[in-house]
């Protein structure tokens, strides 16, 4: 990636690889968390936007920040663009927060839905060897440009059927019910026609004559 004017003006700005360390500490969301924001959720390719980061420390001791930055989907995977504090780390006390912002120019090739997140690398204040890495949740914004259209990175939740599938299923159920009712009615009519001759054959004739008897003397 070519150096930008922002890097020349502020030497602390670098593009660095977001990687883990040997003795990493896992921080839960209630111990520390990161939030990322951008100034314009609907931007133009080539436009310069402001990306802001917010970090809060709710851990049991101070946390030292070595690197903070942002990742956008037009960047190589697992890279961040931001600040390198390794030569002069920033300490965030327990119950305190840290925030910063950076101007980022959207590439001309960007177009469509762009995802982004903020990341922080640091260590525990009591031990520089106990390190941590934490990312914010991924978010998206829309860029209008002339490049290939980017699609959202998120996938639909499993188990949530689309409205078309529900509609087709309802139509199938209605058709099955209607056909079943028609078949039941046809079977009942056939059964009634089959029972009528049997009933008429079982009834005795009202004009039946008594049997003849011999009354001769």
N, C-alpha and C. Protein backbone atom coordinates (compact mmCIF):
# COMPACT_ATOMS: atom_id res chain seq x y z
N UNK A 1 0.85 -1.19 0.00
CA UNK A 1 0.00 0.00 0.00
C UNK A 1 0.88 1.24 0.00
N UNK A 2 0.60 2.20 -0.86
CA UNK A 2 1.41 3.39 -0.94
C UNK A 2 1.19 4.29 0.28
N UNK A 3 2.24 5.02 0.66
CA UNK A 3 2.12 5.94 1.78
C UNK A 3 1.19 7.07 1.41
N UNK A 4 0.37 7.51 2.34
CA UNK A 4 -0.57 8.58 2.09
C UNK A 4 -0.07 9.87 2.73
N UNK A 5 -0.74 10.98 2.42
CA UNK A 5 -0.37 12.26 3.02
C UNK A 5 -0.56 12.23 4.52
N UNK A 6 -1.54 11.49 4.97
CA UNK A 6 -1.80 11.42 6.40
C UNK A 6 -0.60 10.83 7.13
N UNK A 7 0.05 9.85 6.55
CA UNK A 7 1.22 9.23 7.18
C UNK A 7 2.38 10.22 7.22
N UNK A 8 2.52 11.01 6.17
CA UNK A 8 3.62 11.98 6.14
C UNK A 8 3.41 13.06 7.18
N UNK A 9 2.18 13.53 7.34
CA UNK A 9 1.90 14.59 8.30
C UNK A 9 2.01 14.07 9.72
N UNK A 10 1.51 12.90 10.00
CA UNK A 10 1.55 12.32 11.35
C UNK A 10 2.37 11.05 11.30
N UNK A 11 3.64 11.07 11.72
CA UNK A 11 4.51 9.90 11.62
C UNK A 11 4.01 8.69 12.40
N UNK A 12 3.12 8.89 13.37
CA UNK A 12 2.64 7.76 14.15
C UNK A 12 1.70 6.89 13.34
N UNK A 13 1.17 7.40 12.25
CA UNK A 13 0.23 6.64 11.44
C UNK A 13 0.97 5.64 10.58
N UNK A 14 0.57 4.38 10.67
CA UNK A 14 1.22 3.33 9.90
C UNK A 14 0.18 2.33 9.45
N UNK A 15 0.56 1.53 8.49
CA UNK A 15 -0.23 0.36 8.13
C UNK A 15 0.51 -0.83 8.70
N UNK A 16 -0.15 -1.60 9.60
CA UNK A 16 0.55 -2.69 10.26
C UNK A 16 -0.28 -3.94 10.23
N UNK A 17 0.38 -5.06 10.39
CA UNK A 17 -0.27 -6.36 10.39
C UNK A 17 -0.85 -6.63 11.75
N UNK A 18 -2.16 -6.98 11.80
CA UNK A 18 -2.82 -7.24 13.07
C UNK A 18 -2.58 -8.69 13.45
N UNK A 19 -1.65 -8.92 14.39
CA UNK A 19 -1.28 -10.29 14.71
C UNK A 19 -1.30 -10.49 16.21
N UNK A 20 -1.34 -11.73 16.63
CA UNK A 20 -1.37 -12.06 18.05
C UNK A 20 0.02 -12.22 18.63
N UNK A 21 0.08 -12.47 19.92
CA UNK A 21 1.33 -12.66 20.63
C UNK A 21 1.30 -14.01 21.34
N UNK A 22 2.47 -14.43 21.84
CA UNK A 22 2.61 -15.75 22.43
C UNK A 22 1.79 -15.88 23.70
N UNK A 23 1.83 -14.88 24.58
CA UNK A 23 1.13 -14.97 25.86
C UNK A 23 -0.04 -13.99 25.88
N UNK A 24 -1.03 -14.28 25.07
CA UNK A 24 -2.17 -13.37 24.93
C UNK A 24 -3.18 -13.61 26.03
N UNK A 25 -3.75 -12.52 26.54
CA UNK A 25 -4.80 -12.56 27.55
C UNK A 25 -6.14 -12.31 26.86
N UNK A 26 -7.13 -13.12 27.16
CA UNK A 26 -8.46 -12.95 26.59
C UNK A 26 -9.29 -12.04 27.48
N UNK A 27 -9.73 -10.92 26.92
CA UNK A 27 -10.58 -9.98 27.65
C UNK A 27 -12.01 -10.12 27.15
N UNK A 28 -12.94 -10.28 28.09
CA UNK A 28 -14.35 -10.38 27.72
C UNK A 28 -14.92 -8.98 27.48
N UNK A 29 -16.12 -8.93 26.90
CA UNK A 29 -16.73 -7.65 26.56
C UNK A 29 -17.05 -6.80 27.78
N UNK A 30 -17.22 -7.42 28.95
CA UNK A 30 -17.49 -6.62 30.15
C UNK A 30 -16.20 -6.15 30.82
N UNK A 31 -15.05 -6.64 30.34
CA UNK A 31 -13.76 -6.19 30.87
C UNK A 31 -13.16 -5.06 30.04
N UNK A 32 -13.35 -5.13 28.73
CA UNK A 32 -12.88 -4.08 27.83
C UNK A 32 -13.61 -4.23 26.50
N UNK A 33 -13.89 -3.12 25.87
CA UNK A 33 -14.54 -3.19 24.57
C UNK A 33 -14.15 -2.01 23.70
N UNK A 34 -14.33 -2.21 22.39
CA UNK A 34 -13.97 -1.22 21.39
C UNK A 34 -15.19 -0.91 20.53
N UNK A 35 -15.35 0.35 20.17
CA UNK A 35 -16.41 0.77 19.26
C UNK A 35 -15.79 1.56 18.11
N UNK A 36 -16.35 1.39 16.93
CA UNK A 36 -15.86 2.11 15.74
C UNK A 36 -17.00 2.91 15.12
N UNK A 37 -16.70 4.11 14.66
CA UNK A 37 -17.69 5.00 14.06
C UNK A 37 -17.07 5.66 12.83
N UNK A 38 -17.91 6.01 11.87
CA UNK A 38 -17.47 6.79 10.72
C UNK A 38 -18.35 8.01 10.58
N UNK A 39 -17.83 9.04 9.93
CA UNK A 39 -18.53 10.32 9.87
C UNK A 39 -19.67 10.33 8.86
N UNK A 40 -19.59 9.51 7.83
CA UNK A 40 -20.60 9.56 6.77
C UNK A 40 -20.98 8.15 6.36
N UNK A 41 -22.16 7.67 6.73
CA UNK A 41 -22.57 6.30 6.39
C UNK A 41 -22.91 6.11 4.91
N UNK A 42 -23.04 7.20 4.17
CA UNK A 42 -23.26 7.12 2.72
C UNK A 42 -22.23 8.03 2.05
N UNK A 43 -21.19 7.42 1.53
CA UNK A 43 -20.04 8.18 1.05
C UNK A 43 -19.82 7.97 -0.44
N UNK A 44 -18.90 8.77 -0.99
CA UNK A 44 -18.52 8.68 -2.38
C UNK A 44 -17.09 8.14 -2.48
N UNK A 45 -16.81 7.37 -3.51
CA UNK A 45 -15.44 6.92 -3.75
C UNK A 45 -14.54 8.13 -3.94
N UNK A 46 -13.38 8.12 -3.31
CA UNK A 46 -12.46 9.24 -3.36
C UNK A 46 -12.68 10.25 -2.25
N UNK A 47 -13.77 10.12 -1.52
CA UNK A 47 -14.08 11.05 -0.42
C UNK A 47 -13.23 10.72 0.81
N UNK A 48 -12.87 11.74 1.58
CA UNK A 48 -12.14 11.55 2.83
C UNK A 48 -13.13 11.57 3.99
N UNK A 49 -13.18 10.49 4.75
CA UNK A 49 -14.09 10.40 5.89
C UNK A 49 -13.28 10.32 7.19
N UNK A 50 -13.94 10.58 8.29
CA UNK A 50 -13.31 10.48 9.60
C UNK A 50 -13.79 9.21 10.29
N UNK A 51 -12.84 8.39 10.70
CA UNK A 51 -13.15 7.17 11.45
C UNK A 51 -12.71 7.38 12.90
N UNK A 52 -13.62 7.13 13.83
CA UNK A 52 -13.34 7.34 15.25
C UNK A 52 -13.36 6.01 15.99
N UNK A 53 -12.51 5.89 16.99
CA UNK A 53 -12.42 4.69 17.81
C UNK A 53 -12.64 5.06 19.28
N UNK A 54 -13.34 4.19 19.98
CA UNK A 54 -13.60 4.39 21.41
C UNK A 54 -13.24 3.10 22.14
N UNK A 55 -12.36 3.19 23.13
CA UNK A 55 -11.93 2.03 23.91
C UNK A 55 -12.20 2.30 25.39
N UNK A 56 -12.81 1.33 26.06
CA UNK A 56 -13.12 1.47 27.49
C UNK A 56 -12.52 0.31 28.27
N UNK A 57 -11.88 0.64 29.40
CA UNK A 57 -11.23 -0.35 30.25
C UNK A 57 -12.03 -0.56 31.53
N UNK A 58 -12.63 -1.74 31.65
CA UNK A 58 -13.33 -2.13 32.87
C UNK A 58 -12.64 -3.32 33.53
N UNK A 59 -11.37 -3.50 33.19
CA UNK A 59 -10.58 -4.60 33.73
C UNK A 59 -10.15 -4.28 35.15
N UNK A 60 -9.49 -5.24 35.81
CA UNK A 60 -9.08 -5.05 37.21
C UNK A 60 -7.80 -4.23 37.35
N UNK A 61 -7.14 -3.93 36.23
CA UNK A 61 -5.93 -3.11 36.26
C UNK A 61 -5.84 -2.29 34.99
N UNK A 62 -4.88 -1.37 34.95
CA UNK A 62 -4.73 -0.52 33.78
C UNK A 62 -4.30 -1.34 32.58
N UNK A 63 -4.70 -0.87 31.40
CA UNK A 63 -4.34 -1.51 30.14
C UNK A 63 -3.54 -0.53 29.30
N UNK A 64 -2.49 -1.03 28.67
CA UNK A 64 -1.60 -0.20 27.87
C UNK A 64 -1.86 -0.47 26.39
N UNK A 65 -2.09 0.57 25.61
CA UNK A 65 -2.38 0.44 24.19
C UNK A 65 -1.10 0.61 23.39
N UNK A 66 -0.80 -0.39 22.55
CA UNK A 66 0.36 -0.33 21.68
C UNK A 66 -0.01 0.06 20.25
N UNK A 67 -1.13 -0.50 19.76
CA UNK A 67 -1.59 -0.22 18.41
C UNK A 67 -3.11 -0.07 18.43
N UNK A 68 -3.61 0.90 17.67
CA UNK A 68 -5.05 1.00 17.43
C UNK A 68 -5.23 1.34 15.94
N UNK A 69 -6.28 0.86 15.36
CA UNK A 69 -6.49 1.16 13.95
C UNK A 69 -7.81 0.63 13.44
N UNK A 70 -8.00 0.79 12.14
CA UNK A 70 -9.25 0.41 11.48
C UNK A 70 -8.95 -0.53 10.32
N UNK A 71 -9.90 -1.42 10.09
CA UNK A 71 -9.83 -2.29 8.91
C UNK A 71 -11.08 -2.07 8.08
N UNK A 72 -10.88 -1.81 6.78
CA UNK A 72 -11.97 -1.69 5.83
C UNK A 72 -11.85 -2.83 4.82
N UNK A 73 -12.96 -3.22 4.25
CA UNK A 73 -12.97 -4.42 3.41
C UNK A 73 -12.15 -4.26 2.13
N UNK A 74 -11.76 -3.05 1.76
CA UNK A 74 -10.89 -2.90 0.60
C UNK A 74 -9.42 -3.16 0.96
N UNK A 75 -9.11 -3.32 2.25
CA UNK A 75 -7.74 -3.57 2.68
C UNK A 75 -7.44 -5.07 2.66
N UNK A 76 -6.15 -5.44 2.65
CA UNK A 76 -5.80 -6.86 2.77
C UNK A 76 -6.32 -7.42 4.09
N UNK A 77 -6.61 -8.71 4.10
CA UNK A 77 -7.17 -9.34 5.29
C UNK A 77 -6.22 -9.23 6.48
N UNK A 78 -6.80 -9.03 7.69
CA UNK A 78 -6.06 -8.98 8.95
C UNK A 78 -5.06 -7.82 9.03
N UNK A 79 -5.35 -6.71 8.35
CA UNK A 79 -4.49 -5.53 8.48
C UNK A 79 -5.31 -4.38 9.05
N UNK A 80 -4.63 -3.51 9.77
CA UNK A 80 -5.25 -2.31 10.33
C UNK A 80 -4.47 -1.08 9.89
N UNK A 81 -5.17 0.03 9.77
CA UNK A 81 -4.55 1.32 9.46
C UNK A 81 -4.83 2.25 10.61
N UNK A 82 -3.78 2.73 11.30
CA UNK A 82 -4.02 3.57 12.45
C UNK A 82 -2.77 4.07 13.11
N UNK A 83 -2.74 4.01 14.44
CA UNK A 83 -1.66 4.59 15.23
C UNK A 83 -0.78 3.49 15.84
N UNK A 84 0.54 3.75 15.82
CA UNK A 84 1.52 2.87 16.44
C UNK A 84 2.06 3.57 17.69
N UNK A 85 1.67 3.06 18.86
CA UNK A 85 2.09 3.65 20.14
C UNK A 85 3.20 2.84 20.81
N UNK A 86 3.80 1.91 20.11
CA UNK A 86 4.77 1.01 20.74
C UNK A 86 5.95 1.76 21.36
N UNK A 87 6.35 2.89 20.76
CA UNK A 87 7.47 3.65 21.32
C UNK A 87 7.04 4.57 22.45
N UNK A 88 5.76 4.87 22.52
CA UNK A 88 5.23 5.71 23.60
C UNK A 88 3.81 5.25 23.92
N UNK A 89 3.67 4.10 24.61
CA UNK A 89 2.36 3.49 24.85
C UNK A 89 1.40 4.41 25.61
N UNK A 90 0.13 4.20 25.36
CA UNK A 90 -0.94 4.95 26.03
C UNK A 90 -1.54 4.07 27.11
N UNK A 91 -1.54 4.54 28.35
CA UNK A 91 -2.09 3.78 29.48
C UNK A 91 -3.52 4.23 29.75
N UNK A 92 -4.43 3.26 29.87
CA UNK A 92 -5.85 3.55 30.17
C UNK A 92 -6.15 2.95 31.53
N UNK A 93 -6.44 3.79 32.51
CA UNK A 93 -6.67 3.33 33.87
C UNK A 93 -7.99 2.58 33.97
N UNK A 94 -8.15 1.87 35.08
CA UNK A 94 -9.39 1.11 35.33
C UNK A 94 -10.58 2.08 35.38
N UNK A 95 -11.63 1.76 34.66
CA UNK A 95 -12.81 2.60 34.62
C UNK A 95 -12.69 3.80 33.71
N UNK A 96 -11.58 3.91 32.98
CA UNK A 96 -11.37 5.05 32.08
C UNK A 96 -11.53 4.61 30.62
N UNK A 97 -11.49 5.57 29.74
CA UNK A 97 -11.65 5.28 28.31
C UNK A 97 -10.64 6.08 27.50
N UNK A 98 -10.48 5.68 26.25
CA UNK A 98 -9.60 6.38 25.32
C UNK A 98 -10.31 6.47 23.99
N UNK A 99 -10.21 7.61 23.33
CA UNK A 99 -10.83 7.78 22.03
C UNK A 99 -9.89 8.55 21.11
N UNK A 100 -9.99 8.27 19.84
CA UNK A 100 -9.17 8.96 18.85
C UNK A 100 -9.86 8.86 17.50
N UNK A 101 -9.36 9.60 16.53
CA UNK A 101 -9.95 9.57 15.19
C UNK A 101 -8.86 9.72 14.15
N UNK A 102 -9.18 9.36 12.93
CA UNK A 102 -8.24 9.40 11.82
C UNK A 102 -9.01 9.67 10.54
N UNK A 103 -8.40 10.44 9.64
CA UNK A 103 -9.01 10.69 8.33
C UNK A 103 -8.55 9.62 7.34
N UNK A 104 -9.50 9.04 6.65
CA UNK A 104 -9.21 7.98 5.69
C UNK A 104 -9.86 8.32 4.37
N UNK A 105 -9.10 8.22 3.29
CA UNK A 105 -9.62 8.48 1.95
C UNK A 105 -10.10 7.17 1.33
N UNK A 106 -11.36 7.16 0.91
CA UNK A 106 -11.93 5.97 0.29
C UNK A 106 -11.34 5.80 -1.11
N UNK A 107 -10.83 4.62 -1.44
CA UNK A 107 -10.25 4.40 -2.78
C UNK A 107 -11.29 4.60 -3.88
N UNK A 108 -10.81 5.01 -5.04
CA UNK A 108 -11.70 5.18 -6.19
C UNK A 108 -12.32 3.86 -6.62
N UNK A 109 -11.65 2.76 -6.33
CA UNK A 109 -12.15 1.45 -6.74
C UNK A 109 -13.24 0.91 -5.83
N UNK A 110 -13.47 1.57 -4.67
CA UNK A 110 -14.49 1.09 -3.73
C UNK A 110 -15.88 1.40 -4.25
N UNK A 111 -16.80 0.47 -4.05
CA UNK A 111 -18.18 0.66 -4.51
C UNK A 111 -19.08 -0.35 -3.82
N UNK A 112 -20.26 0.10 -3.40
CA UNK A 112 -21.22 -0.81 -2.76
C UNK A 112 -21.09 -0.81 -1.25
N UNK A 113 -21.44 -1.94 -0.65
CA UNK A 113 -21.44 -2.07 0.80
C UNK A 113 -20.03 -2.38 1.28
N UNK A 114 -19.50 -1.52 2.16
CA UNK A 114 -18.15 -1.67 2.70
C UNK A 114 -18.25 -1.99 4.20
N UNK A 115 -17.59 -3.04 4.62
CA UNK A 115 -17.57 -3.40 6.04
C UNK A 115 -16.30 -2.85 6.69
N UNK A 116 -16.37 -2.60 8.00
CA UNK A 116 -15.21 -2.08 8.72
C UNK A 116 -15.30 -2.44 10.20
N UNK A 117 -14.16 -2.41 10.86
CA UNK A 117 -14.11 -2.59 12.31
C UNK A 117 -12.86 -1.92 12.84
N UNK A 118 -12.81 -1.71 14.15
CA UNK A 118 -11.64 -1.14 14.82
C UNK A 118 -10.97 -2.23 15.65
N UNK A 119 -9.64 -2.14 15.78
CA UNK A 119 -8.89 -3.12 16.55
C UNK A 119 -7.87 -2.47 17.47
N UNK A 120 -7.57 -3.15 18.56
CA UNK A 120 -6.60 -2.65 19.55
C UNK A 120 -5.67 -3.78 19.94
N UNK A 121 -4.36 -3.50 19.95
CA UNK A 121 -3.34 -4.40 20.51
C UNK A 121 -2.73 -3.70 21.71
N UNK A 122 -2.52 -4.44 22.80
CA UNK A 122 -1.91 -3.83 23.98
C UNK A 122 -1.42 -4.86 24.96
N UNK A 123 -1.15 -4.42 26.17
CA UNK A 123 -0.68 -5.32 27.22
C UNK A 123 -1.20 -4.86 28.57
N UNK A 124 -1.12 -5.75 29.56
CA UNK A 124 -1.55 -5.40 30.91
C UNK A 124 -0.53 -4.44 31.52
N UNK A 125 -1.03 -3.49 32.28
CA UNK A 125 -0.14 -2.49 32.87
C UNK A 125 0.89 -3.09 33.80
N UNK A 126 0.58 -4.21 34.43
CA UNK A 126 1.49 -4.85 35.38
C UNK A 126 2.53 -5.73 34.70
N UNK A 127 2.33 -6.05 33.43
CA UNK A 127 3.26 -6.95 32.73
C UNK A 127 3.20 -6.70 31.24
N UNK A 128 4.33 -6.29 30.68
CA UNK A 128 4.37 -6.02 29.24
C UNK A 128 4.36 -7.29 28.41
N UNK A 129 4.53 -8.46 29.05
CA UNK A 129 4.52 -9.74 28.31
C UNK A 129 3.12 -10.33 28.21
N UNK A 130 2.20 -9.88 29.07
CA UNK A 130 0.80 -10.35 29.01
C UNK A 130 0.04 -9.41 28.09
N UNK A 131 -0.11 -9.80 26.86
CA UNK A 131 -0.71 -8.93 25.84
C UNK A 131 -2.16 -9.30 25.57
N UNK A 132 -2.85 -8.43 24.87
CA UNK A 132 -4.23 -8.69 24.48
C UNK A 132 -4.48 -8.07 23.11
N UNK A 133 -5.47 -8.62 22.42
CA UNK A 133 -5.94 -8.09 21.14
C UNK A 133 -7.45 -8.13 21.16
N UNK A 134 -8.07 -7.04 20.75
CA UNK A 134 -9.53 -6.97 20.81
C UNK A 134 -10.03 -6.16 19.61
N UNK A 135 -11.11 -6.62 19.02
CA UNK A 135 -11.73 -5.94 17.88
C UNK A 135 -13.14 -5.49 18.23
N UNK A 136 -13.60 -4.47 17.55
CA UNK A 136 -14.98 -4.06 17.67
C UNK A 136 -15.84 -4.97 16.80
N UNK A 137 -17.15 -4.86 16.94
CA UNK A 137 -18.05 -5.57 16.04
C UNK A 137 -17.97 -4.94 14.65
N UNK A 138 -18.15 -5.77 13.65
CA UNK A 138 -18.10 -5.28 12.27
C UNK A 138 -19.36 -4.48 11.94
N UNK A 139 -19.18 -3.40 11.20
CA UNK A 139 -20.30 -2.56 10.75
C UNK A 139 -20.14 -2.33 9.25
N UNK A 140 -21.14 -1.70 8.65
CA UNK A 140 -21.13 -1.49 7.20
C UNK A 140 -21.59 -0.09 6.85
N UNK A 141 -21.12 0.41 5.73
CA UNK A 141 -21.62 1.67 5.18
C UNK A 141 -21.60 1.58 3.66
N UNK A 142 -22.28 2.52 3.02
CA UNK A 142 -22.49 2.45 1.57
C UNK A 142 -21.59 3.46 0.86
N UNK A 143 -20.91 2.98 -0.18
CA UNK A 143 -20.04 3.82 -0.99
C UNK A 143 -20.55 3.82 -2.43
N UNK A 144 -20.67 4.99 -3.01
CA UNK A 144 -21.07 5.11 -4.41
C UNK A 144 -19.82 5.35 -5.25
N UNK A 145 -19.55 4.45 -6.16
CA UNK A 145 -18.37 4.56 -7.01
C UNK A 145 -18.59 3.86 -8.32
N UNK A 146 -17.53 3.75 -9.10
CA UNK A 146 -17.63 3.14 -10.42
C UNK A 146 -16.99 1.76 -10.47
N UNK A 147 -16.41 1.31 -9.36
CA UNK A 147 -15.76 0.01 -9.32
C UNK A 147 -16.77 -1.12 -9.20
N UNK A 148 -16.29 -2.37 -9.13
CA UNK A 148 -17.18 -3.52 -8.94
C UNK A 148 -17.99 -3.36 -7.66
N UNK A 149 -19.25 -3.75 -7.71
CA UNK A 149 -20.13 -3.60 -6.56
C UNK A 149 -19.78 -4.61 -5.49
N UNK A 150 -19.48 -4.10 -4.29
CA UNK A 150 -19.20 -4.98 -3.15
C UNK A 150 -20.50 -5.42 -2.52
N UNK A 151 -20.55 -6.65 -2.05
CA UNK A 151 -21.75 -7.19 -1.41
C UNK A 151 -21.55 -7.25 0.09
N UNK A 152 -22.64 -7.26 0.87
CA UNK A 152 -22.51 -7.35 2.34
C UNK A 152 -21.77 -8.60 2.76
N UNK A 153 -20.99 -8.48 3.84
CA UNK A 153 -20.24 -9.62 4.34
C UNK A 153 -21.07 -10.50 5.26
N UNK A 154 -22.12 -9.97 5.83
CA UNK A 154 -22.93 -10.75 6.76
C UNK A 154 -23.82 -11.70 6.00
N UNK A 155 -24.13 -12.85 6.60
CA UNK A 155 -24.99 -13.86 6.02
C UNK A 155 -26.28 -13.94 6.81
N UNK A 156 -27.41 -14.31 6.17
CA UNK A 156 -28.67 -14.41 6.90
C UNK A 156 -28.60 -15.48 7.97
N UNK A 157 -29.35 -15.28 9.04
CA UNK A 157 -29.35 -16.22 10.16
C UNK A 157 -29.96 -17.55 9.74
N UNK A 158 -29.35 -18.63 10.21
CA UNK A 158 -29.88 -19.97 9.93
C UNK A 158 -31.22 -20.15 10.64
N UNK A 159 -32.16 -20.74 9.94
CA UNK A 159 -33.46 -21.00 10.57
C UNK A 159 -34.46 -19.89 10.33
N UNK A 160 -34.11 -18.83 9.60
CA UNK A 160 -35.04 -17.77 9.29
C UNK A 160 -35.43 -17.88 7.83
N UNK A 161 -36.55 -18.55 7.49
CA UNK A 161 -36.94 -18.74 6.09
C UNK A 161 -37.34 -17.43 5.45
N UNK A 162 -37.14 -17.31 4.16
CA UNK A 162 -37.51 -16.09 3.45
C UNK A 162 -39.02 -16.03 3.29
N UNK A 163 -39.52 -14.82 2.97
CA UNK A 163 -40.95 -14.62 2.82
C UNK A 163 -41.50 -15.42 1.64
N UNK A 164 -40.68 -15.62 0.56
CA UNK A 164 -41.14 -16.40 -0.59
C UNK A 164 -41.38 -17.84 -0.22
N UNK A 165 -40.48 -18.42 0.57
CA UNK A 165 -40.64 -19.80 0.99
C UNK A 165 -41.90 -19.96 1.83
N UNK A 166 -42.14 -19.02 2.73
CA UNK A 166 -43.36 -19.08 3.55
C UNK A 166 -44.61 -18.99 2.69
N UNK A 167 -44.59 -18.12 1.66
CA UNK A 167 -45.75 -17.97 0.78
C UNK A 167 -46.01 -19.25 0.01
N UNK A 168 -44.95 -19.84 -0.58
CA UNK A 168 -45.11 -21.09 -1.31
C UNK A 168 -45.63 -22.21 -0.42
N UNK A 169 -45.12 -22.27 0.80
CA UNK A 169 -45.58 -23.29 1.73
C UNK A 169 -47.05 -23.14 2.06
N UNK A 170 -47.51 -21.88 2.25
CA UNK A 170 -48.92 -21.63 2.55
C UNK A 170 -49.80 -22.03 1.38
N UNK A 171 -49.37 -21.73 0.16
CA UNK A 171 -50.16 -22.10 -1.03
C UNK A 171 -50.29 -23.62 -1.13
N UNK A 172 -49.20 -24.34 -0.88
CA UNK A 172 -49.24 -25.80 -0.95
C UNK A 172 -50.20 -26.36 0.08
N UNK A 173 -50.19 -25.82 1.30
CA UNK A 173 -51.09 -26.30 2.34
C UNK A 173 -52.54 -26.07 1.95
N UNK A 174 -52.85 -24.88 1.40
CA UNK A 174 -54.23 -24.58 1.00
C UNK A 174 -54.69 -25.54 -0.10
N UNK A 175 -53.82 -25.80 -1.09
CA UNK A 175 -54.18 -26.70 -2.19
C UNK A 175 -54.45 -28.11 -1.66
N UNK A 176 -53.60 -28.59 -0.74
CA UNK A 176 -53.78 -29.93 -0.18
C UNK A 176 -55.11 -30.02 0.56
N UNK A 177 -55.45 -28.98 1.33
CA UNK A 177 -56.70 -29.00 2.09
C UNK A 177 -57.90 -29.01 1.15
N UNK A 178 -57.89 -28.19 0.10
CA UNK A 178 -59.01 -28.13 -0.84
C UNK A 178 -59.19 -29.47 -1.56
N UNK A 179 -58.10 -30.06 -2.05
CA UNK A 179 -58.18 -31.35 -2.73
C UNK A 179 -58.72 -32.43 -1.80
N UNK A 180 -58.28 -32.40 -0.54
CA UNK A 180 -58.76 -33.39 0.43
C UNK A 180 -60.26 -33.26 0.65
N UNK A 181 -60.76 -32.03 0.76
CA UNK A 181 -62.21 -31.82 0.95
C UNK A 181 -62.99 -32.32 -0.26
N UNK A 182 -62.48 -32.05 -1.46
CA UNK A 182 -63.19 -32.51 -2.66
C UNK A 182 -63.25 -34.04 -2.71
N UNK A 183 -62.16 -34.71 -2.38
CA UNK A 183 -62.14 -36.17 -2.38
C UNK A 183 -63.10 -36.74 -1.35
N UNK A 184 -63.16 -36.11 -0.17
CA UNK A 184 -64.08 -36.58 0.88
C UNK A 184 -65.53 -36.47 0.42
N UNK A 185 -65.88 -35.34 -0.23
CA UNK A 185 -67.25 -35.15 -0.70
C UNK A 185 -67.60 -36.17 -1.79
N UNK A 186 -66.66 -36.45 -2.70
CA UNK A 186 -66.92 -37.43 -3.77
C UNK A 186 -67.12 -38.83 -3.18
N UNK A 187 -66.34 -39.20 -2.18
CA UNK A 187 -66.48 -40.51 -1.57
C UNK A 187 -67.84 -40.65 -0.86
N UNK A 188 -68.26 -39.58 -0.21
CA UNK A 188 -69.57 -39.63 0.47
C UNK A 188 -70.71 -39.81 -0.53
N UNK A 189 -70.64 -39.11 -1.68
CA UNK A 189 -71.70 -39.25 -2.68
C UNK A 189 -71.74 -40.67 -3.24
N UNK A 190 -70.60 -41.27 -3.52
CA UNK A 190 -70.55 -42.63 -4.03
C UNK A 190 -71.12 -43.62 -3.02
N UNK A 191 -70.84 -43.39 -1.74
CA UNK A 191 -71.33 -44.29 -0.70
C UNK A 191 -72.86 -44.22 -0.60
N UNK A 192 -73.46 -43.03 -0.74
CA UNK A 192 -74.91 -42.89 -0.67
C UNK A 192 -75.58 -43.61 -1.84
N UNK A 193 -75.03 -43.48 -3.06
CA UNK A 193 -75.60 -44.15 -4.22
C UNK A 193 -75.51 -45.67 -4.09
N UNK A 194 -74.50 -46.17 -3.47
CA UNK A 194 -74.33 -47.62 -3.32
C UNK A 194 -75.27 -48.18 -2.27
N UNK A 195 -75.72 -47.42 -1.29
CA UNK A 195 -76.58 -47.90 -0.22
C UNK A 195 -78.06 -47.90 -0.60
N UNK A 196 -78.52 -47.08 -1.56
CA UNK A 196 -79.94 -46.99 -1.89
C UNK A 196 -80.53 -48.28 -2.44
N UNK A 197 -79.98 -49.01 -3.40
CA UNK A 197 -80.58 -50.29 -3.88
C UNK A 197 -80.71 -51.32 -2.79
N UNK A 198 -79.78 -51.40 -1.90
CA UNK A 198 -79.83 -52.38 -0.82
C UNK A 198 -80.99 -52.11 0.09
N UNK A 199 -81.26 -50.81 0.38
CA UNK A 199 -82.37 -50.46 1.27
C UNK A 199 -83.71 -50.81 0.62
N UNK A 200 -83.89 -50.53 -0.68
CA UNK A 200 -85.17 -50.81 -1.36
C UNK A 200 -85.42 -52.31 -1.46
N UNK A 201 -84.39 -53.11 -1.59
CA UNK A 201 -84.56 -54.56 -1.66
C UNK A 201 -84.95 -55.14 -0.33
N UNK A 202 -84.63 -54.54 0.74
CA UNK A 202 -84.92 -55.08 2.07
C UNK A 202 -86.33 -54.79 2.51
N UNK A 203 -87.03 -53.79 1.93
CA UNK A 203 -88.37 -53.42 2.36
C UNK A 203 -89.41 -54.36 1.73
N UNK A 204 -90.39 -54.89 2.50
CA UNK A 204 -91.43 -55.77 1.92
C UNK A 204 -92.45 -54.97 1.14
N UNK A 205 -93.07 -55.62 0.13
CA UNK A 205 -94.07 -54.95 -0.70
C UNK A 205 -95.39 -54.87 0.04
N UNK A 206 -96.05 -53.68 -0.04
CA UNK A 206 -97.32 -53.48 0.67
C UNK A 206 -98.46 -54.25 0.00
N UNK A 207 -98.33 -54.74 -1.27
CA UNK A 207 -99.38 -55.46 -2.00
C UNK A 207 -99.18 -56.97 -1.98
N UNK A 208 -98.35 -57.46 -1.11
CA UNK A 208 -98.08 -58.90 -1.07
C UNK A 208 -99.32 -59.66 -0.59
N UNK A 209 -99.77 -60.68 -1.33
CA UNK A 209 -100.98 -61.44 -1.01
C UNK A 209 -100.65 -62.55 -0.04
N UNK A 210 -101.62 -62.87 0.87
CA UNK A 210 -101.37 -63.99 1.79
C UNK A 210 -101.32 -65.31 1.03
N UNK A 211 -100.69 -66.25 1.55
CA UNK A 211 -100.56 -67.56 0.87
C UNK A 211 -101.91 -68.26 0.82
N UNK A 212 -102.17 -69.01 -0.28
CA UNK A 212 -103.47 -69.66 -0.48
C UNK A 212 -103.59 -70.85 0.47
N UNK A 213 -104.85 -71.09 0.94
CA UNK A 213 -105.14 -72.20 1.85
C UNK A 213 -106.33 -73.01 1.30
N UNK A 214 -106.36 -74.27 1.55
CA UNK A 214 -107.43 -75.16 1.07
C UNK A 214 -108.54 -75.22 2.11
N UNK A 215 -109.78 -74.65 1.76
CA UNK A 215 -110.91 -74.66 2.68
C UNK A 215 -111.99 -75.65 2.26
N UNK A 216 -111.69 -76.54 1.33
CA UNK A 216 -112.73 -77.50 0.87
C UNK A 216 -113.07 -78.45 2.03
N UNK A 217 -114.42 -78.87 2.04
CA UNK A 217 -114.90 -79.73 3.11
C UNK A 217 -114.95 -81.17 2.62
